[in-house]
């Protein structure tokens, strides 16, 4: 009780609080406004970086193929390496201010690049071996590598593509590449008749 009365006496003896704003109020308001603008800019930058990382991750799936899915042009191991390196370069740049945990995840993903590139190199080694072992001529081998394999490959990839617009784009290129196959008898100009059935089966 004594403690309560003492506190009441102390409160009653305080000088009345001045009416109006506290000293330095305007300065604090201005500072808060500046901090708010900085926070908004940082949030916008973070959102932009998040989108950059999302697009770069998506592009990794698009470029990791022995053929360009839009043009149908071949991509050797060196080409795919450069494309993947470009994707990870963008990711690392956008993730500069993220936590150590995030950087560890990026580093772990990057370690897989070597295996991805090895798979592309293996693909082309097998293609060359099939062409050589099955007695295809130089002209037939070129048709195989430049038109038939990419045509069927793109057709396969298109079936798995979830984005409708991109799926149609890949399909169109596949149809264009495979247009050398005659519809009436499935013959292929430039390919010996005795090689046709084996070729289609091989692909």
Protein backbone atom coordinates (compact mmCIF):
# COMPACT_ATOMS: atom_id res chain seq x y z
CA UNK A 1 0.00 0.00 0.00
CA UNK A 2 2.81 2.37 0.90
CA UNK A 3 4.46 1.64 -2.45
CA UNK A 4 1.25 2.41 -4.33
CA UNK A 5 0.73 5.70 -2.46
CA UNK A 6 4.33 6.68 -3.16
CA UNK A 7 3.87 6.10 -6.86
CA UNK A 8 0.60 8.10 -6.83
CA UNK A 9 2.35 11.01 -5.12
CA UNK A 10 5.17 10.87 -7.69
CA UNK A 11 2.66 10.93 -10.55
CA UNK A 12 0.75 13.87 -9.08
CA UNK A 13 3.95 15.84 -8.66
CA UNK A 14 4.94 15.55 -12.32
CA UNK A 15 4.75 18.69 -14.45
CA UNK A 16 1.89 18.69 -16.95
CA UNK A 17 2.90 17.40 -20.41
CA UNK A 18 3.07 20.21 -22.96
CA UNK A 19 0.29 20.30 -25.54
CA UNK A 20 1.36 19.59 -29.13
CA UNK A 21 3.99 17.50 -30.87
CA UNK A 22 7.10 16.23 -29.17
CA UNK A 23 10.44 17.89 -29.91
CA UNK A 24 12.03 16.53 -33.10
CA UNK A 25 8.71 15.12 -34.34
CA UNK A 26 9.08 16.46 -37.89
CA UNK A 27 12.63 15.13 -38.14
CA UNK A 28 11.48 11.68 -37.05
CA UNK A 29 8.63 11.73 -39.57
CA UNK A 30 11.02 12.63 -42.38
CA UNK A 31 13.43 9.89 -41.32
CA UNK A 32 10.61 7.34 -41.18
CA UNK A 33 9.52 8.38 -44.66
CA UNK A 34 13.01 7.88 -46.04
CA UNK A 35 13.31 4.49 -44.36
CA UNK A 36 9.95 3.52 -45.87
CA UNK A 37 11.14 4.44 -49.37
CA UNK A 38 14.35 2.46 -48.89
CA UNK A 39 12.34 -0.54 -47.70
CA UNK A 40 10.03 -0.27 -50.74
CA UNK A 41 13.03 -0.12 -53.10
CA UNK A 42 14.64 -3.14 -51.41
CA UNK A 43 11.37 -5.09 -51.64
CA UNK A 44 11.01 -4.27 -55.33
CA UNK A 45 14.61 -5.33 -55.99
CA UNK A 46 14.06 -8.56 -54.05
CA UNK A 47 10.96 -9.32 -56.14
CA UNK A 48 12.89 -8.62 -59.35
CA UNK A 49 15.75 -10.90 -58.26
CA UNK A 50 13.28 -13.62 -57.33
CA UNK A 51 11.80 -13.44 -60.83
CA UNK A 52 15.28 -13.53 -62.42
CA UNK A 53 16.14 -16.66 -60.44
CA UNK A 54 12.80 -18.28 -61.33
CA UNK A 55 13.29 -17.62 -65.05
CA UNK A 56 16.93 -18.80 -64.96
CA UNK A 57 15.90 -22.05 -63.27
CA UNK A 58 13.22 -22.57 -65.90
CA UNK A 59 15.74 -21.87 -68.67
CA UNK A 60 18.05 -24.59 -67.33
CA UNK A 61 15.34 -27.12 -68.20
CA UNK A 62 14.93 -25.55 -71.62
CA UNK A 63 18.61 -25.60 -72.64
CA UNK A 64 19.55 -29.00 -71.23
CA UNK A 65 18.95 -30.87 -74.49
CA UNK A 66 21.11 -32.13 -77.38
CA UNK A 67 18.97 -29.97 -79.66
CA UNK A 68 17.64 -26.44 -79.36
CA UNK A 69 13.94 -27.02 -78.75
CA UNK A 70 12.88 -24.00 -80.79
CA UNK A 71 15.22 -24.12 -83.79
CA UNK A 72 16.06 -27.83 -83.82
CA UNK A 73 19.76 -27.05 -84.17
CA UNK A 74 22.22 -29.45 -82.53
CA UNK A 75 23.87 -28.54 -79.23
CA UNK A 76 27.10 -30.30 -78.31
CA UNK A 77 28.48 -30.59 -74.78
CA UNK A 78 30.42 -27.32 -75.10
CA UNK A 79 27.32 -25.39 -76.19
CA UNK A 80 25.21 -26.81 -73.37
CA UNK A 81 27.98 -26.02 -70.88
CA UNK A 82 27.98 -22.36 -71.91
CA UNK A 83 24.20 -22.16 -71.72
CA UNK A 84 24.07 -23.71 -68.25
CA UNK A 85 26.93 -21.50 -67.03
CA UNK A 86 24.99 -18.46 -68.23
CA UNK A 87 21.93 -19.56 -66.25
CA UNK A 88 23.88 -20.07 -63.05
CA UNK A 89 25.70 -16.77 -63.54
CA UNK A 90 22.35 -14.97 -63.55
CA UNK A 91 21.20 -16.93 -60.49
CA UNK A 92 24.34 -16.11 -58.52
CA UNK A 93 24.15 -12.43 -59.42
CA UNK A 94 20.49 -12.18 -58.38
CA UNK A 95 21.13 -14.17 -55.18
CA UNK A 96 24.02 -11.97 -54.01
CA UNK A 97 22.16 -10.70 -50.95
CA UNK A 98 20.52 -13.96 -49.93
CA UNK A 99 21.39 -16.12 -46.92
CA UNK A 100 24.27 -18.60 -46.75
CA UNK A 101 21.70 -21.41 -46.77
CA UNK A 102 20.38 -20.24 -50.16
CA UNK A 103 23.90 -20.02 -51.58
CA UNK A 104 24.58 -23.56 -50.37
CA UNK A 105 21.53 -24.78 -52.30
CA UNK A 106 22.74 -23.00 -55.44
CA UNK A 107 26.22 -24.44 -55.06
CA UNK A 108 24.79 -27.93 -54.59
CA UNK A 109 22.71 -27.56 -57.78
CA UNK A 110 25.71 -26.27 -59.72
CA UNK A 111 27.72 -29.40 -58.88
CA UNK A 112 25.30 -31.40 -61.04
CA UNK A 113 26.25 -29.43 -64.18
CA UNK A 114 29.24 -31.67 -64.92
CA UNK A 115 27.01 -34.76 -64.95
CA UNK A 116 24.45 -33.03 -67.16
CA UNK A 117 27.11 -32.11 -69.69
CA UNK A 118 28.51 -35.66 -69.62
CA UNK A 119 25.06 -36.98 -70.56
CA UNK A 120 24.94 -34.67 -73.59
CA UNK A 121 28.43 -35.82 -74.65
CA UNK A 122 27.36 -39.46 -74.25
CA UNK A 123 24.28 -38.84 -76.41
CA UNK A 124 26.38 -37.58 -79.32
CA UNK A 125 28.91 -40.38 -78.91
CA UNK A 126 26.13 -42.95 -79.23
CA UNK A 127 24.66 -41.19 -82.29
CA UNK A 128 28.03 -41.19 -84.05
CA UNK A 129 28.60 -44.84 -83.17
CA UNK A 130 25.21 -45.88 -84.58
CA UNK A 131 25.87 -44.00 -87.81
CA UNK A 132 29.30 -45.59 -88.19
CA UNK A 133 28.35 -49.12 -87.10
CA UNK A 134 25.30 -49.30 -89.38
CA UNK A 135 27.03 -48.23 -92.56
CA UNK A 136 25.20 -44.96 -93.17
CA UNK A 137 26.73 -42.76 -95.83
CA UNK A 138 27.91 -39.23 -95.01
CA UNK A 139 24.76 -37.80 -96.59
CA UNK A 140 22.51 -40.21 -94.69
CA UNK A 141 24.32 -39.48 -91.46
CA UNK A 142 23.80 -35.75 -91.95
CA UNK A 143 20.09 -36.22 -92.62
CA UNK A 144 19.87 -38.39 -89.55
CA UNK A 145 21.60 -35.86 -87.27
CA UNK A 146 20.13 -32.68 -88.76
CA UNK A 147 16.52 -33.66 -89.53
CA UNK A 148 15.31 -37.04 -88.36
CA UNK A 149 16.73 -37.36 -84.84
CA UNK A 150 15.92 -33.76 -83.85
CA UNK A 151 12.47 -34.08 -85.46
CA UNK A 152 11.53 -37.15 -83.43
CA UNK A 153 13.30 -35.81 -80.35
CA UNK A 154 11.34 -32.55 -80.41
CA UNK A 155 8.11 -34.48 -80.93
CA UNK A 156 8.87 -36.50 -77.79
CA UNK A 157 9.74 -33.40 -75.75
CA UNK A 158 6.62 -31.55 -76.94
CA UNK A 159 4.40 -34.26 -75.48
CA UNK A 160 5.91 -33.61 -72.06
CA UNK A 161 5.88 -29.81 -72.25
CA UNK A 162 3.28 -28.30 -69.88
CA UNK A 163 3.22 -24.79 -71.34
CA UNK A 164 0.74 -24.92 -74.21
CA UNK A 165 2.26 -22.10 -76.28
CA UNK A 166 5.75 -23.53 -75.97
CA UNK A 167 4.45 -27.06 -76.70
CA UNK A 168 2.91 -25.87 -79.97
CA UNK A 169 6.11 -24.04 -80.89
CA UNK A 170 8.19 -27.18 -80.39
CA UNK A 171 5.65 -29.30 -82.28
CA UNK A 172 5.75 -26.97 -85.26
CA UNK A 173 9.52 -27.26 -85.49
CA UNK A 174 9.27 -31.05 -85.18
CA UNK A 175 6.79 -31.22 -88.05
CA UNK A 176 9.03 -28.99 -90.15
CA UNK A 177 12.08 -31.20 -89.55
CA UNK A 178 10.17 -34.41 -90.31
CA UNK A 179 8.52 -32.99 -93.43
CA UNK A 180 11.20 -34.75 -95.52
CA UNK A 181 9.39 -38.05 -94.80
CA UNK A 182 6.93 -38.69 -97.64
CA UNK A 183 3.47 -39.41 -96.31
CA UNK A 184 2.39 -41.82 -99.04
CA UNK A 185 5.11 -44.44 -98.59
CA UNK A 186 7.10 -43.08 -95.61
CA UNK A 187 10.20 -42.96 -97.82
CA UNK A 188 12.96 -40.48 -97.05
CA UNK A 189 14.76 -38.75 -99.94
CA UNK A 190 18.48 -39.24 -99.51
CA UNK A 191 18.09 -42.43 -97.46
CA UNK A 192 18.48 -45.82 -99.15
CA UNK A 193 15.25 -47.85 -99.06
CA UNK A 194 16.95 -50.75 -97.26
CA UNK A 195 17.94 -48.35 -94.48
CA UNK A 196 14.51 -46.77 -94.02
CA UNK A 197 12.87 -49.36 -91.76
CA UNK A 198 15.99 -49.81 -89.67
CA UNK A 199 16.31 -46.04 -89.41
CA UNK A 200 12.75 -45.51 -88.20
CA UNK A 201 13.10 -48.37 -85.73
CA UNK A 202 16.41 -46.99 -84.49
CA UNK A 203 14.92 -43.57 -83.84
